[in-house]
PDB file of all heavy atoms in Angstrom:
ATOM      1  N   VAL A   1       0.841  -1.197   0.000  1.00  0.00           N
ATOM      2  CA  VAL A   1       0.000   0.000   0.000  1.00  0.00           C
ATOM      3  C   VAL A   1       0.876   1.248   0.000  1.00  0.00           C
ATOM      4  O   VAL A   1       0.508   2.286  -0.555  1.00  0.00           O
ATOM      5  CB  VAL A   1      -0.950   0.006   1.219  1.00  0.00           C
ATOM      6  CG1 VAL A   1      -1.769   1.288   1.254  1.00  0.00           C
ATOM      7  CG2 VAL A   1      -1.872  -1.206   1.168  1.00  0.00           C
ATOM      8  N   GLY A   2       2.052   1.149   0.603  1.00  0.00           N
ATOM      9  CA  GLY A   2       2.961   2.294   0.672  1.00  0.00           C
ATOM     10  C   GLY A   2       3.457   2.752  -0.679  1.00  0.00           C
ATOM     11  O   GLY A   2       3.996   3.859  -0.804  1.00  0.00           O
ATOM     12  N   ASP A   3       3.293   1.931  -1.705  1.00  0.00           N
ATOM     13  CA  ASP A   3       3.713   2.321  -3.053  1.00  0.00           C
ATOM     14  C   ASP A   3       2.740   3.308  -3.688  1.00  0.00           C
ATOM     15  O   ASP A   3       3.050   3.925  -4.706  1.00  0.00           O
ATOM     16  CB  ASP A   3       3.822   1.080  -3.951  1.00  0.00           C
ATOM     17  CG  ASP A   3       4.919   0.129  -3.491  1.00  0.00           C
ATOM     18  OD1 ASP A   3       5.865   0.601  -2.835  1.00  0.00           O
ATOM     19  OD2 ASP A   3       4.824  -1.070  -3.800  1.00  0.00           O
ATOM     20  N   LEU A   4       1.554   3.441  -3.085  1.00  0.00           N
ATOM     21  CA  LEU A   4       0.527   4.299  -3.660  1.00  0.00           C
ATOM     22  C   LEU A   4       0.620   5.718  -3.116  1.00  0.00           C
ATOM     23  O   LEU A   4       1.020   5.933  -1.970  1.00  0.00           O
ATOM     24  CB  LEU A   4      -0.872   3.736  -3.339  1.00  0.00           C
ATOM     25  CG  LEU A   4      -1.177   2.312  -3.788  1.00  0.00           C
ATOM     26  CD1 LEU A   4      -2.595   1.932  -3.374  1.00  0.00           C
ATOM     27  CD2 LEU A   4      -1.013   2.157  -5.299  1.00  0.00           C
ATOM     28  N   THR A   5       0.223   6.676  -3.941  1.00  0.00           N
ATOM     29  CA  THR A   5       0.106   8.047  -3.470  1.00  0.00           C
ATOM     30  C   THR A   5      -1.135   8.164  -2.588  1.00  0.00           C
ATOM     31  O   THR A   5      -1.974   7.253  -2.542  1.00  0.00           O
ATOM     32  CB  THR A   5      -0.026   9.029  -4.641  1.00  0.00           C
ATOM     33  OG1 THR A   5      -1.283   8.771  -5.314  1.00  0.00           O
ATOM     34  CG2 THR A   5       1.122   8.877  -5.625  1.00  0.00           C
ATOM     35  N   GLU A   6      -1.264   9.283  -1.902  1.00  0.00           N
ATOM     36  CA  GLU A   6      -2.431   9.491  -1.040  1.00  0.00           C
ATOM     37  C   GLU A   6      -3.727   9.441  -1.865  1.00  0.00           C
ATOM     38  O   GLU A   6      -4.714   8.830  -1.445  1.00  0.00           O
ATOM     39  CB  GLU A   6      -2.312  10.842  -0.331  1.00  0.00           C
ATOM     40  CG  GLU A   6      -3.438  11.115   0.648  1.00  0.00           C
ATOM     41  CD  GLU A   6      -3.247  12.420   1.409  1.00  0.00           C
ATOM     42  OE1 GLU A   6      -2.125  12.966   1.361  1.00  0.00           O
ATOM     43  OE2 GLU A   6      -4.215  12.886   2.030  1.00  0.00           O
ATOM     44  N   ARG A   7      -3.729  10.049  -3.029  1.00  0.00           N
ATOM     45  CA  ARG A   7      -4.927  10.056  -3.856  1.00  0.00           C
ATOM     46  C   ARG A   7      -5.221   8.651  -4.387  1.00  0.00           C
ATOM     47  O   ARG A   7      -6.384   8.233  -4.449  1.00  0.00           O
ATOM     48  CB  ARG A   7      -4.766  11.059  -4.998  1.00  0.00           C
ATOM     49  CG  ARG A   7      -5.949  11.131  -6.007  1.00  0.00           C
ATOM     50  CD  ARG A   7      -7.307  11.172  -5.354  1.00  0.00           C
ATOM     51  NE  ARG A   7      -7.566  12.323  -4.538  1.00  0.00           N
ATOM     52  CZ  ARG A   7      -8.147  13.430  -4.962  1.00  0.00           C
ATOM     53  NH1 ARG A   7      -8.530  13.561  -6.212  1.00  0.00           N
ATOM     54  NH2 ARG A   7      -8.373  14.421  -4.115  1.00  0.00           N
ATOM     55  N   GLU A   8      -4.181   7.919  -4.782  1.00  0.00           N
ATOM     56  CA  GLU A   8      -4.397   6.558  -5.274  1.00  0.00           C
ATOM     57  C   GLU A   8      -4.959   5.661  -4.178  1.00  0.00           C
ATOM     58  O   GLU A   8      -5.824   4.822  -4.440  1.00  0.00           O
ATOM     59  CB  GLU A   8      -3.089   5.979  -5.816  1.00  0.00           C
ATOM     60  CG  GLU A   8      -2.661   6.601  -7.137  1.00  0.00           C
ATOM     61  CD  GLU A   8      -1.222   6.287  -7.510  1.00  0.00           C
ATOM     62  OE1 GLU A   8      -0.496   5.705  -6.679  1.00  0.00           O
ATOM     63  OE2 GLU A   8      -0.815   6.641  -8.630  1.00  0.00           O
ATOM     64  N   THR A   9      -4.484   5.854  -2.951  1.00  0.00           N
ATOM     65  CA  THR A   9      -5.017   5.082  -1.821  1.00  0.00           C
ATOM     66  C   THR A   9      -6.491   5.404  -1.609  1.00  0.00           C
ATOM     67  O   THR A   9      -7.308   4.519  -1.336  1.00  0.00           O
ATOM     68  CB  THR A   9      -4.224   5.399  -0.534  1.00  0.00           C
ATOM     69  OG1 THR A   9      -2.843   5.099  -0.750  1.00  0.00           O
ATOM     70  CG2 THR A   9      -4.735   4.576   0.637  1.00  0.00           C
ATOM     71  N   GLU A  10      -6.824   6.673  -1.765  1.00  0.00           N
ATOM     72  CA  GLU A  10      -8.218   7.109  -1.624  1.00  0.00           C
ATOM     73  C   GLU A  10      -9.089   6.471  -2.706  1.00  0.00           C
ATOM     74  O   GLU A  10     -10.193   5.985  -2.424  1.00  0.00           O
ATOM     75  CB  GLU A  10      -8.284   8.635  -1.708  1.00  0.00           C
ATOM     76  CG  GLU A  10      -9.634   9.219  -1.379  1.00  0.00           C
ATOM     77  CD  GLU A  10      -9.609  10.737  -1.385  1.00  0.00           C
ATOM     78  OE1 GLU A  10      -8.605  11.335  -1.854  1.00  0.00           O
ATOM     79  OE2 GLU A  10     -10.594  11.346  -0.917  1.00  0.00           O
ATOM     80  N   VAL A  11      -8.592   6.461  -3.932  1.00  0.00           N
ATOM     81  CA  VAL A  11      -9.342   5.857  -5.039  1.00  0.00           C
ATOM     82  C   VAL A  11      -9.502   4.353  -4.813  1.00  0.00           C
ATOM     83  O   VAL A  11     -10.589   3.790  -5.032  1.00  0.00           O
ATOM     84  CB  VAL A  11      -8.635   6.132  -6.385  1.00  0.00           C
ATOM     85  CG1 VAL A  11      -9.278   5.305  -7.506  1.00  0.00           C
ATOM     86  CG2 VAL A  11      -8.691   7.613  -6.729  1.00  0.00           C
ATOM     87  N   LEU A  12      -8.463   3.692  -4.347  1.00  0.00           N
ATOM     88  CA  LEU A  12      -8.548   2.255  -4.068  1.00  0.00           C
ATOM     89  C   LEU A  12      -9.614   1.969  -3.020  1.00  0.00           C
ATOM     90  O   LEU A  12     -10.395   1.021  -3.150  1.00  0.00           O
ATOM     91  CB  LEU A  12      -7.189   1.735  -3.585  1.00  0.00           C
ATOM     92  CG  LEU A  12      -7.144   0.265  -3.128  1.00  0.00           C
ATOM     93  CD1 LEU A  12      -7.591  -0.668  -4.238  1.00  0.00           C
ATOM     94  CD2 LEU A  12      -5.737  -0.088  -2.652  1.00  0.00           C
ATOM     95  N   SER A  13      -9.672   2.795  -2.001  1.00  0.00           N
ATOM     96  CA  SER A  13     -10.680   2.638  -0.962  1.00  0.00           C
ATOM     97  C   SER A  13     -12.090   2.756  -1.537  1.00  0.00           C
ATOM     98  O   SER A  13     -12.993   1.981  -1.186  1.00  0.00           O
ATOM     99  CB  SER A  13     -10.474   3.683   0.128  1.00  0.00           C
ATOM    100  OG  SER A  13     -11.505   3.635   1.088  1.00  0.00           O
ATOM    101  N   LEU A  14     -12.284   3.681  -2.449  1.00  0.00           N
ATOM    102  CA  LEU A  14     -13.600   3.883  -3.056  1.00  0.00           C
ATOM    103  C   LEU A  14     -13.953   2.749  -4.018  1.00  0.00           C
ATOM    104  O   LEU A  14     -15.118   2.338  -4.114  1.00  0.00           O
ATOM    105  CB  LEU A  14     -13.640   5.234  -3.766  1.00  0.00           C
ATOM    106  CG  LEU A  14     -13.519   6.448  -2.837  1.00  0.00           C
ATOM    107  CD1 LEU A  14     -13.417   7.732  -3.645  1.00  0.00           C
ATOM    108  CD2 LEU A  14     -14.694   6.511  -1.869  1.00  0.00           C
ATOM    109  N   ILE A  15     -12.958   2.228  -4.727  1.00  0.00           N
ATOM    110  CA  ILE A  15     -13.184   1.054  -5.577  1.00  0.00           C
ATOM    111  C   ILE A  15     -13.704  -0.093  -4.724  1.00  0.00           C
ATOM    112  O   ILE A  15     -14.670  -0.787  -5.072  1.00  0.00           O
ATOM    113  CB  ILE A  15     -11.884   0.616  -6.285  1.00  0.00           C
ATOM    114  CG1 ILE A  15     -11.467   1.634  -7.353  1.00  0.00           C
ATOM    115  CG2 ILE A  15     -12.047  -0.772  -6.921  1.00  0.00           C
ATOM    116  CD1 ILE A  15     -10.099   1.350  -7.962  1.00  0.00           C
ATOM    117  N   ALA A  16     -13.062  -0.311  -3.570  1.00  0.00           N
ATOM    118  CA  ALA A  16     -13.425  -1.415  -2.690  1.00  0.00           C
ATOM    119  C   ALA A  16     -14.811  -1.240  -2.084  1.00  0.00           C
ATOM    120  O   ALA A  16     -15.423  -2.216  -1.644  1.00  0.00           O
ATOM    121  CB  ALA A  16     -12.388  -1.558  -1.581  1.00  0.00           C
ATOM    122  N   GLN A  17     -15.296  -0.007  -2.071  1.00  0.00           N
ATOM    123  CA  GLN A  17     -16.651   0.236  -1.571  1.00  0.00           C
ATOM    124  C   GLN A  17     -17.694   0.055  -2.674  1.00  0.00           C
ATOM    125  O   GLN A  17     -18.886   0.256  -2.440  1.00  0.00           O
ATOM    126  CB  GLN A  17     -16.733   1.645  -0.982  1.00  0.00           C
ATOM    127  CG  GLN A  17     -15.890   1.810   0.281  1.00  0.00           C
ATOM    128  CD  GLN A  17     -15.870   3.245   0.775  1.00  0.00           C
ATOM    129  OE1 GLN A  17     -16.922   3.864   0.973  1.00  0.00           O
ATOM    130  NE2 GLN A  17     -14.685   3.800   0.951  1.00  0.00           N
ATOM    131  N   GLY A  18     -17.233  -0.344  -3.861  1.00  0.00           N
ATOM    132  CA  GLY A  18     -18.155  -0.655  -4.947  1.00  0.00           C
ATOM    133  C   GLY A  18     -18.529   0.516  -5.826  1.00  0.00           C
ATOM    134  O   GLY A  18     -19.468   0.422  -6.618  1.00  0.00           O
ATOM    135  N   LEU A  19     -17.817   1.630  -5.732  1.00  0.00           N
ATOM    136  CA  LEU A  19     -18.145   2.794  -6.545  1.00  0.00           C
ATOM    137  C   LEU A  19     -17.595   2.650  -7.960  1.00  0.00           C
ATOM    138  O   LEU A  19     -16.500   2.123  -8.154  1.00  0.00           O
ATOM    139  CB  LEU A  19     -17.589   4.076  -5.905  1.00  0.00           C
ATOM    140  CG  LEU A  19     -18.466   4.760  -4.845  1.00  0.00           C
ATOM    141  CD1 LEU A  19     -18.626   3.874  -3.619  1.00  0.00           C
ATOM    142  CD2 LEU A  19     -17.880   6.119  -4.469  1.00  0.00           C
ATOM    143  N   SER A  20     -18.346   3.129  -8.930  1.00  0.00           N
ATOM    144  CA  SER A  20     -17.898   3.140 -10.314  1.00  0.00           C
ATOM    145  C   SER A  20     -16.950   4.318 -10.529  1.00  0.00           C
ATOM    146  O   SER A  20     -16.819   5.193  -9.663  1.00  0.00           O
ATOM    147  CB  SER A  20     -19.100   3.284 -11.251  1.00  0.00           C
ATOM    148  OG  SER A  20     -19.686   4.572 -11.104  1.00  0.00           O
ATOM    149  N   ASN A  21     -16.296   4.366 -11.694  1.00  0.00           N
ATOM    150  CA  ASN A  21     -15.416   5.494 -11.991  1.00  0.00           C
ATOM    151  C   ASN A  21     -16.173   6.815 -11.940  1.00  0.00           C
ATOM    152  O   ASN A  21     -15.670   7.821 -11.436  1.00  0.00           O
ATOM    153  CB  ASN A  21     -14.781   5.317 -13.370  1.00  0.00           C
ATOM    154  CG  ASN A  21     -13.670   4.286 -13.361  1.00  0.00           C
ATOM    155  OD1 ASN A  21     -13.242   3.839 -12.296  1.00  0.00           O
ATOM    156  ND2 ASN A  21     -13.197   3.905 -14.537  1.00  0.00           N
ATOM    157  N   GLY A  22     -17.388   6.805 -12.476  1.00  0.00           N
ATOM    158  CA  GLY A  22     -18.187   8.023 -12.474  1.00  0.00           C
ATOM    159  C   GLY A  22     -18.525   8.479 -11.065  1.00  0.00           C
ATOM    160  O   GLY A  22     -18.484   9.675 -10.757  1.00  0.00           O
ATOM    161  N   GLU A  23     -18.876   7.524 -10.209  1.00  0.00           N
ATOM    162  CA  GLU A  23     -19.218   7.865  -8.823  1.00  0.00           C
ATOM    163  C   GLU A  23     -17.996   8.355  -8.057  1.00  0.00           C
ATOM    164  O   GLU A  23     -18.093   9.271  -7.239  1.00  0.00           O
ATOM    165  CB  GLU A  23     -19.824   6.639  -8.134  1.00  0.00           C
ATOM    166  CG  GLU A  23     -21.209   6.269  -8.671  1.00  0.00           C
ATOM    167  CD  GLU A  23     -21.677   4.908  -8.215  1.00  0.00           C
ATOM    168  OE1 GLU A  23     -20.828   4.037  -7.896  1.00  0.00           O
ATOM    169  OE2 GLU A  23     -22.890   4.692  -8.188  1.00  0.00           O
ATOM    170  N   ILE A  24     -16.836   7.741  -8.341  1.00  0.00           N
ATOM    171  CA  ILE A  24     -15.600   8.188  -7.694  1.00  0.00           C
ATOM    172  C   ILE A  24     -15.264   9.607  -8.144  1.00  0.00           C
ATOM    173  O   ILE A  24     -14.864  10.451  -7.336  1.00  0.00           O
ATOM    174  CB  ILE A  24     -14.436   7.232  -8.014  1.00  0.00           C
ATOM    175  CG1 ILE A  24     -14.696   5.858  -7.385  1.00  0.00           C
ATOM    176  CG2 ILE A  24     -13.107   7.788  -7.498  1.00  0.00           C
ATOM    177  CD1 ILE A  24     -13.686   4.798  -7.781  1.00  0.00           C
ATOM    178  N   ALA A  25     -15.413   9.862  -9.443  1.00  0.00           N
ATOM    179  CA  ALA A  25     -15.128  11.197  -9.973  1.00  0.00           C
ATOM    180  C   ALA A  25     -16.013  12.246  -9.306  1.00  0.00           C
ATOM    181  O   ALA A  25     -15.556  13.336  -8.944  1.00  0.00           O
ATOM    182  CB  ALA A  25     -15.337  11.208 -11.488  1.00  0.00           C
ATOM    183  N   GLU A  26     -17.287  11.908  -9.129  1.00  0.00           N
ATOM    184  CA  GLU A  26     -18.217  12.831  -8.478  1.00  0.00           C
ATOM    185  C   GLU A  26     -17.827  13.052  -7.019  1.00  0.00           C
ATOM    186  O   GLU A  26     -17.856  14.178  -6.524  1.00  0.00           O
ATOM    187  CB  GLU A  26     -19.639  12.260  -8.571  1.00  0.00           C
ATOM    188  CG  GLU A  26     -20.708  13.192  -8.033  1.00  0.00           C
ATOM    189  CD  GLU A  26     -22.102  12.641  -8.249  1.00  0.00           C
ATOM    190  OE1 GLU A  26     -22.257  11.702  -9.058  1.00  0.00           O
ATOM    191  OE2 GLU A  26     -23.047  13.148  -7.601  1.00  0.00           O
ATOM    192  N   ARG A  27     -17.439  11.973  -6.341  1.00  0.00           N
ATOM    193  CA  ARG A  27     -17.066  12.075  -4.924  1.00  0.00           C
ATOM    194  C   ARG A  27     -15.813  12.945  -4.738  1.00  0.00           C
ATOM    195  O   ARG A  27     -15.732  13.743  -3.809  1.00  0.00           O
ATOM    196  CB  ARG A  27     -16.807  10.668  -4.377  1.00  0.00           C
ATOM    197  CG  ARG A  27     -16.352  10.609  -2.919  1.00  0.00           C
ATOM    198  CD  ARG A  27     -17.498  10.791  -1.950  1.00  0.00           C
ATOM    199  NE  ARG A  27     -18.463   9.717  -2.066  1.00  0.00           N
ATOM    200  CZ  ARG A  27     -18.411   8.570  -1.397  1.00  0.00           C
ATOM    201  NH1 ARG A  27     -17.417   8.346  -0.549  1.00  0.00           N
ATOM    202  NH2 ARG A  27     -19.354   7.656  -1.559  1.00  0.00           N
ATOM    203  N   LEU A  28     -14.854  12.791  -5.649  1.00  0.00           N
ATOM    204  CA  LEU A  28     -13.583  13.510  -5.514  1.00  0.00           C
ATOM    205  C   LEU A  28     -13.551  14.834  -6.271  1.00  0.00           C
ATOM    206  O   LEU A  28     -12.555  15.559  -6.216  1.00  0.00           O
ATOM    207  CB  LEU A  28     -12.438  12.620  -6.003  1.00  0.00           C
ATOM    208  CG  LEU A  28     -12.249  11.283  -5.261  1.00  0.00           C
ATOM    209  CD1 LEU A  28     -11.074  10.507  -5.853  1.00  0.00           C
ATOM    210  CD2 LEU A  28     -12.048  11.518  -3.775  1.00  0.00           C
ATOM    211  N   VAL A  29     -14.625  15.088  -7.008  1.00  0.00           N
ATOM    212  CA  VAL A  29     -14.747  16.312  -7.811  1.00  0.00           C
ATOM    213  C   VAL A  29     -13.582  16.413  -8.797  1.00  0.00           C
ATOM    214  O   VAL A  29     -12.844  17.407  -8.854  1.00  0.00           O
ATOM    215  CB  VAL A  29     -14.799  17.575  -6.911  1.00  0.00           C
ATOM    216  CG1 VAL A  29     -15.302  18.770  -7.731  1.00  0.00           C
ATOM    217  CG2 VAL A  29     -15.684  17.371  -5.709  1.00  0.00           C
ATOM    218  N   VAL A  30     -13.421  15.362  -9.584  1.00  0.00           N
ATOM    219  CA  VAL A  30     -12.417  15.341 -10.644  1.00  0.00           C
ATOM    220  C   VAL A  30     -13.062  14.742 -11.886  1.00  0.00           C
ATOM    221  O   VAL A  30     -14.183  14.234 -11.849  1.00  0.00           O
ATOM    222  CB  VAL A  30     -11.182  14.492 -10.245  1.00  0.00           C
ATOM    223  CG1 VAL A  30     -10.483  15.093  -9.036  1.00  0.00           C
ATOM    224  CG2 VAL A  30     -11.583  13.045  -9.956  1.00  0.00           C
ATOM    225  N   ALA A  31     -12.346  14.794 -13.013  1.00  0.00           N
ATOM    226  CA  ALA A  31     -12.864  14.227 -14.253  1.00  0.00           C
ATOM    227  C   ALA A  31     -12.816  12.702 -14.193  1.00  0.00           C
ATOM    228  O   ALA A  31     -11.924  12.120 -13.555  1.00  0.00           O
ATOM    229  CB  ALA A  31     -12.037  14.727 -15.438  1.00  0.00           C
ATOM    230  N   GLU A  32     -13.760  12.064 -14.866  1.00  0.00           N
ATOM    231  CA  GLU A  32     -13.791  10.606 -14.866  1.00  0.00           C
ATOM    232  C   GLU A  32     -12.524  10.027 -15.496  1.00  0.00           C
ATOM    233  O   GLU A  32     -12.030   8.982 -15.079  1.00  0.00           O
ATOM    234  CB  GLU A  32     -15.030  10.098 -15.618  1.00  0.00           C
ATOM    235  CG  GLU A  32     -15.214   8.587 -15.529  1.00  0.00           C
ATOM    236  CD  GLU A  32     -16.561   8.130 -16.057  1.00  0.00           C
ATOM    237  OE1 GLU A  32     -17.462   8.983 -16.227  1.00  0.00           O
ATOM    238  OE2 GLU A  32     -16.719   6.921 -16.293  1.00  0.00           O
ATOM    239  N   GLN A  33     -11.975  10.711 -16.504  1.00  0.00           N
ATOM    240  CA  GLN A  33     -10.742  10.238 -17.134  1.00  0.00           C
ATOM    241  C   GLN A  33      -9.587  10.248 -16.133  1.00  0.00           C
ATOM    242  O   GLN A  33      -8.708   9.381 -16.169  1.00  0.00           O
ATOM    243  CB  GLN A  33     -10.390  11.119 -18.340  1.00  0.00           C
ATOM    244  CG  GLN A  33      -9.185  10.632 -19.123  1.00  0.00           C
ATOM    245  CD  GLN A  33      -9.356   9.207 -19.627  1.00  0.00           C
ATOM    246  OE1 GLN A  33     -10.391   8.848 -20.192  1.00  0.00           O
ATOM    247  NE2 GLN A  33      -8.344   8.361 -19.422  1.00  0.00           N
ATOM    248  N   THR A  34      -9.600  11.214 -15.226  1.00  0.00           N
ATOM    249  CA  THR A  34      -8.572  11.267 -14.174  1.00  0.00           C
ATOM    250  C   THR A  34      -8.675  10.038 -13.280  1.00  0.00           C
ATOM    251  O   THR A  34      -7.661   9.437 -12.907  1.00  0.00           O
ATOM    252  CB  THR A  34      -8.733  12.542 -13.332  1.00  0.00           C
ATOM    253  OG1 THR A  34      -8.599  13.686 -14.178  1.00  0.00           O
ATOM    254  CG2 THR A  34      -7.695  12.605 -12.227  1.00  0.00           C
ATOM    255  N   VAL A  35      -9.902   9.663 -12.951  1.00  0.00           N
ATOM    256  CA  VAL A  35     -10.112   8.465 -12.123  1.00  0.00           C
ATOM    257  C   VAL A  35      -9.610   7.230 -12.854  1.00  0.00           C
ATOM    258  O   VAL A  35      -8.942   6.369 -12.263  1.00  0.00           O
ATOM    259  CB  VAL A  35     -11.597   8.306 -11.754  1.00  0.00           C
ATOM    260  CG1 VAL A  35     -11.817   6.985 -11.005  1.00  0.00           C
ATOM    261  CG2 VAL A  35     -12.078   9.477 -10.916  1.00  0.00           C
ATOM    262  N   LYS A  36      -9.913   7.128 -14.140  1.00  0.00           N
ATOM    263  CA  LYS A  36      -9.452   5.977 -14.931  1.00  0.00           C
ATOM    264  C   LYS A  36      -7.930   5.880 -14.904  1.00  0.00           C
ATOM    265  O   LYS A  36      -7.362   4.784 -14.804  1.00  0.00           O
ATOM    266  CB  LYS A  36      -9.945   6.090 -16.377  1.00  0.00           C
ATOM    267  CG  LYS A  36     -11.435   5.878 -16.549  1.00  0.00           C
ATOM    268  CD  LYS A  36     -11.837   5.966 -18.014  1.00  0.00           C
ATOM    269  CE  LYS A  36     -13.327   5.740 -18.199  1.00  0.00           C
ATOM    270  NZ  LYS A  36     -13.738   5.852 -19.622  1.00  0.00           N
ATOM    271  N   SER A  37      -7.272   7.037 -14.990  1.00  0.00           N
ATOM    272  CA  SER A  37      -5.802   7.045 -14.938  1.00  0.00           C
ATOM    273  C   SER A  37      -5.303   6.555 -13.585  1.00  0.00           C
ATOM    274  O   SER A  37      -4.355   5.771 -13.496  1.00  0.00           O
ATOM    275  CB  SER A  37      -5.275   8.456 -15.213  1.00  0.00           C
ATOM    276  OG  SER A  37      -5.633   8.885 -16.509  1.00  0.00           O
ATOM    277  N   HIS A  38      -5.963   7.010 -12.513  1.00  0.00           N
ATOM    278  CA  HIS A  38      -5.585   6.559 -11.166  1.00  0.00           C
ATOM    279  C   HIS A  38      -5.768   5.047 -11.032  1.00  0.00           C
ATOM    280  O   HIS A  38      -4.898   4.352 -10.505  1.00  0.00           O
ATOM    281  CB  HIS A  38      -6.436   7.266 -10.105  1.00  0.00           C
ATOM    282  CG  HIS A  38      -6.046   8.684  -9.836  1.00  0.00           C
ATOM    283  ND1 HIS A  38      -4.734   9.063  -9.629  1.00  0.00           N
ATOM    284  CD2 HIS A  38      -6.789   9.816  -9.729  1.00  0.00           C
ATOM    285  CE1 HIS A  38      -4.690  10.366  -9.407  1.00  0.00           C
ATOM    286  NE2 HIS A  38      -5.927  10.851  -9.472  1.00  0.00           N
ATOM    287  N   VAL A  39      -6.904   4.561 -11.512  1.00  0.00           N
ATOM    288  CA  VAL A  39      -7.194   3.116 -11.415  1.00  0.00           C
ATOM    289  C   VAL A  39      -6.125   2.315 -12.154  1.00  0.00           C
ATOM    290  O   VAL A  39      -5.614   1.311 -11.655  1.00  0.00           O
ATOM    291  CB  VAL A  39      -8.596   2.792 -11.976  1.00  0.00           C
ATOM    292  CG1 VAL A  39      -8.803   1.270 -12.045  1.00  0.00           C
ATOM    293  CG2 VAL A  39      -9.681   3.431 -11.119  1.00  0.00           C
ATOM    294  N   GLY A  40      -5.781   2.760 -13.349  1.00  0.00           N
ATOM    295  CA  GLY A  40      -4.755   2.069 -14.123  1.00  0.00           C
ATOM    296  C   GLY A  40      -3.425   2.013 -13.401  1.00  0.00           C
ATOM    297  O   GLY A  40      -2.762   0.971 -13.362  1.00  0.00           O
ATOM    298  N   ARG A  41      -3.033   3.133 -12.788  1.00  0.00           N
ATOM    299  CA  ARG A  41      -1.759   3.168 -12.052  1.00  0.00           C
ATOM    300  C   ARG A  41      -1.807   2.283 -10.809  1.00  0.00           C
ATOM    301  O   ARG A  41      -0.821   1.627 -10.468  1.00  0.00           O
ATOM    302  CB  ARG A  41      -1.402   4.608 -11.680  1.00  0.00           C
ATOM    303  CG  ARG A  41      -0.889   5.434 -12.861  1.00  0.00           C
ATOM    304  CD  ARG A  41      -0.190   6.692 -12.393  1.00  0.00           C
ATOM    305  NE  ARG A  41      -1.104   7.614 -11.745  1.00  0.00           N
ATOM    306  CZ  ARG A  41      -1.806   8.564 -12.385  1.00  0.00           C
ATOM    307  NH1 ARG A  41      -1.675   8.689 -13.695  1.00  0.00           N
ATOM    308  NH2 ARG A  41      -2.610   9.368 -11.725  1.00  0.00           N
ATOM    309  N   ILE A  42      -2.957   2.263 -10.143  1.00  0.00           N
ATOM    310  CA  ILE A  42      -3.114   1.420  -8.953  1.00  0.00           C
ATOM    311  C   ILE A  42      -2.918  -0.052  -9.320  1.00  0.00           C
ATOM    312  O   ILE A  42      -2.183  -0.783  -8.644  1.00  0.00           O
ATOM    313  CB  ILE A  42      -4.511   1.617  -8.324  1.00  0.00           C
ATOM    314  CG1 ILE A  42      -4.598   2.997  -7.673  1.00  0.00           C
ATOM    315  CG2 ILE A  42      -4.819   0.531  -7.297  1.00  0.00           C
ATOM    316  CD1 ILE A  42      -6.016   3.412  -7.309  1.00  0.00           C
ATOM    317  N   LEU A  43      -3.566  -0.484 -10.388  1.00  0.00           N
ATOM    318  CA  LEU A  43      -3.468  -1.890 -10.800  1.00  0.00           C
ATOM    319  C   LEU A  43      -2.030  -2.245 -11.175  1.00  0.00           C
ATOM    320  O   LEU A  43      -1.531  -3.323 -10.822  1.00  0.00           O
ATOM    321  CB  LEU A  43      -4.417  -2.161 -11.972  1.00  0.00           C
ATOM    322  CG  LEU A  43      -5.911  -1.984 -11.684  1.00  0.00           C
ATOM    323  CD1 LEU A  43      -6.731  -2.312 -12.928  1.00  0.00           C
ATOM    324  CD2 LEU A  43      -6.364  -2.849 -10.520  1.00  0.00           C
ATOM    325  N   VAL A  44      -1.354  -1.336 -11.871  1.00  0.00           N
ATOM    326  CA  VAL A  44       0.031  -1.599 -12.284  1.00  0.00           C
ATOM    327  C   VAL A  44       0.956  -1.647 -11.063  1.00  0.00           C
ATOM    328  O   VAL A  44       1.758  -2.575 -10.912  1.00  0.00           O
ATOM    329  CB  VAL A  44       0.516  -0.519 -13.277  1.00  0.00           C
ATOM    330  CG1 VAL A  44       2.018  -0.642 -13.497  1.00  0.00           C
ATOM    331  CG2 VAL A  44      -0.218  -0.655 -14.606  1.00  0.00           C
TER     332      VAL A  44
END
């Protein structure tokens, strides 16, 4: 988990709560494409 940035950790937490990319984007007030980029980096 320490390999993740603070924002990536936050996104991972929201993924685990069952939120979609769109819902995460709304929660964090960012673009959905930004969330997709975070998700991709988290998985890698």
